[in-house]
Amino acid sequence: QVQMVESGGGSVQPGGSLRLSCVVSGDVYSKYCMGWLRQAPEKQREGVARTTIGGTVTYYTDSVKGRFTASQDNSKNTLYLQMNSLKPEDTGMYYCAAASTNERCLRRQYDVWGQGTQVTVSS
């Protein structure tokens, strides 16, 4: 099974920035589509960003457009989420995840998950 290890979460004030990292075992970017998801307390899990198999970013949820940027470095087997201009409503547990088909990623039916990293935005 593919292993995913996340880091980069923390507590910041509104307007601050964080960069989340997700290290993925093996050479998976040609075989898996990837996603960043988050879950705020008492809310449903929400897709934040998504890539296709091959690494093209195809989706950002409306609330993060212009503030968040997803990218991947295949040489380091790492997926990133750069988060700028953070707002309190961005608070939540952030996960990276992968699936073996683009359709499964589109449906958020991911096959592999990281453990999650907590992001807290408060004054």
Protein backbone atom coordinates (compact mmCIF):
# COMPACT_ATOMS: atom_id res chain seq x y z
CA GLN A 1 0.00 0.00 0.00
CA VAL A 2 1.20 3.52 -0.79
CA GLN A 3 2.26 5.43 2.31
CA MET A 4 1.60 9.15 2.78
CA VAL A 5 3.14 11.33 5.49
CA GLU A 6 1.91 14.90 6.02
CA SER A 7 3.50 17.84 7.76
CA GLY A 8 3.40 21.64 7.90
CA GLY A 9 0.28 22.33 9.90
CA GLY A 10 0.18 24.67 12.84
CA SER A 11 -1.46 27.72 14.37
CA VAL A 12 -1.35 31.10 12.64
CA GLN A 13 -3.13 34.43 12.80
CA PRO A 14 -5.54 35.51 10.06
CA GLY A 15 -3.61 36.67 7.02
CA GLY A 16 -0.73 34.31 7.70
CA SER A 17 0.66 31.53 5.52
CA LEU A 18 1.47 27.85 5.82
CA ARG A 19 2.85 25.27 3.43
CA LEU A 20 1.65 21.71 3.84
CA SER A 21 3.73 18.81 2.55
CA CYS A 22 2.74 15.24 1.80
CA VAL A 23 5.53 12.76 1.13
CA VAL A 24 4.36 9.75 -0.86
CA SER A 25 6.24 6.48 -1.00
CA GLY A 26 7.41 5.26 -4.37
CA ASP A 27 6.95 6.72 -7.84
CA VAL A 28 3.18 7.24 -7.88
CA TYR A 29 2.46 10.44 -9.81
CA SER A 30 2.11 8.67 -13.14
CA LYS A 31 -0.28 6.15 -11.59
CA TYR A 32 -2.40 8.09 -9.07
CA CYS A 33 -4.42 11.24 -9.01
CA MET A 34 -4.08 13.24 -5.82
CA GLY A 35 -6.17 15.51 -3.67
CA TRP A 36 -6.04 17.82 -0.68
CA LEU A 37 -9.09 17.70 1.55
CA ARG A 38 -10.04 19.29 4.84
CA GLN A 39 -12.56 18.78 7.59
CA ALA A 40 -13.53 21.52 10.00
CA PRO A 41 -15.05 20.73 13.38
CA GLU A 42 -18.69 19.70 13.05
CA LYS A 43 -18.55 19.98 9.25
CA GLN A 44 -18.36 17.51 6.37
CA ARG A 45 -15.10 16.76 4.63
CA GLU A 46 -14.43 19.16 1.75
CA GLY A 47 -12.24 18.79 -1.32
CA VAL A 48 -9.72 21.65 -1.51
CA ALA A 49 -7.61 20.85 -4.60
CA ARG A 50 -7.18 17.97 -7.03
CA THR A 51 -4.71 16.76 -9.64
CA THR A 52 -5.14 14.28 -12.45
CA ILE A 53 -2.96 11.27 -13.05
CA GLY A 54 0.16 12.93 -14.41
CA GLY A 55 -0.02 15.92 -12.08
CA THR A 56 -2.23 18.55 -13.74
CA VAL A 57 -4.11 20.66 -11.18
CA THR A 58 -7.75 20.60 -12.25
CA TYR A 59 -9.71 21.86 -9.27
CA TYR A 60 -9.75 24.33 -6.40
CA THR A 61 -12.77 24.86 -4.25
CA ASP A 62 -14.16 28.38 -4.66
CA SER A 63 -13.32 29.50 -1.15
CA VAL A 64 -9.55 29.04 -1.67
CA LYS A 65 -9.10 30.23 -5.25
CA GLY A 66 -6.40 32.87 -5.45
CA ARG A 67 -5.08 32.00 -1.99
CA PHE A 68 -4.05 28.33 -2.14
CA THR A 69 -1.73 26.67 -4.64
CA ALA A 70 -1.26 22.92 -5.02
CA SER A 71 1.87 21.55 -6.64
CA GLN A 72 3.97 18.42 -6.72
CA ASP A 73 7.65 17.64 -6.96
CA ASN A 74 8.01 14.22 -8.52
CA SER A 75 11.74 14.01 -7.77
CA LYS A 76 10.96 14.30 -4.05
CA ASN A 77 7.69 12.36 -4.19
CA THR A 78 6.07 15.29 -2.42
CA LEU A 79 2.74 17.02 -2.83
CA TYR A 80 2.44 20.60 -1.51
CA LEU A 81 -0.33 22.97 -0.58
CA GLN A 82 0.78 26.58 -0.23
CA MET A 83 -1.82 28.47 1.79
CA ASN A 84 -1.74 32.27 1.87
CA SER A 85 -4.06 34.89 3.34
CA LEU A 86 -5.45 32.35 5.75
CA LYS A 87 -8.86 32.93 7.28
CA PRO A 88 -10.46 31.49 10.41
CA GLU A 89 -12.79 29.44 8.23
CA ASP A 90 -9.74 27.62 6.84
CA THR A 91 -9.30 25.95 10.22
CA GLY A 92 -9.52 22.18 10.09
CA MET A 93 -7.74 18.90 9.64
CA TYR A 94 -6.05 18.72 6.23
CA TYR A 95 -5.46 15.44 4.43
CA CYS A 96 -3.70 14.37 1.28
CA ALA A 97 -5.11 11.40 -0.55
CA ALA A 98 -4.66 9.37 -3.74
CA ALA A 99 -6.70 7.18 -6.05
CA SER A 100 -5.93 4.99 -9.03
CA THR A 101 -8.38 6.58 -11.48
CA ASN A 102 -9.34 10.16 -12.25
CA GLU A 103 -12.99 9.25 -11.81
CA ARG A 104 -12.38 8.06 -8.26
CA CYS A 105 -10.57 11.30 -7.45
CA LEU A 106 -13.43 13.30 -8.95
CA ARG A 107 -15.85 11.42 -6.71
CA ARG A 108 -13.53 11.80 -3.70
CA GLN A 109 -13.38 8.02 -3.47
CA TYR A 110 -9.73 7.94 -2.52
CA ASP A 111 -7.82 4.71 -1.99
CA VAL A 112 -4.96 6.00 0.18
CA TRP A 113 -4.97 8.69 2.88
CA GLY A 114 -2.43 10.50 4.96
CA GLN A 115 -2.88 10.84 8.70
CA GLY A 116 -3.88 14.50 8.52
CA THR A 117 -2.28 17.68 9.81
CA GLN A 118 -4.09 20.30 11.86
CA VAL A 119 -4.39 23.90 10.68
CA THR A 120 -5.72 26.48 13.12
CA VAL A 121 -6.29 30.11 12.12
CA SER A 122 -7.27 32.43 14.95
CA SER A 123 -6.44 35.82 16.37
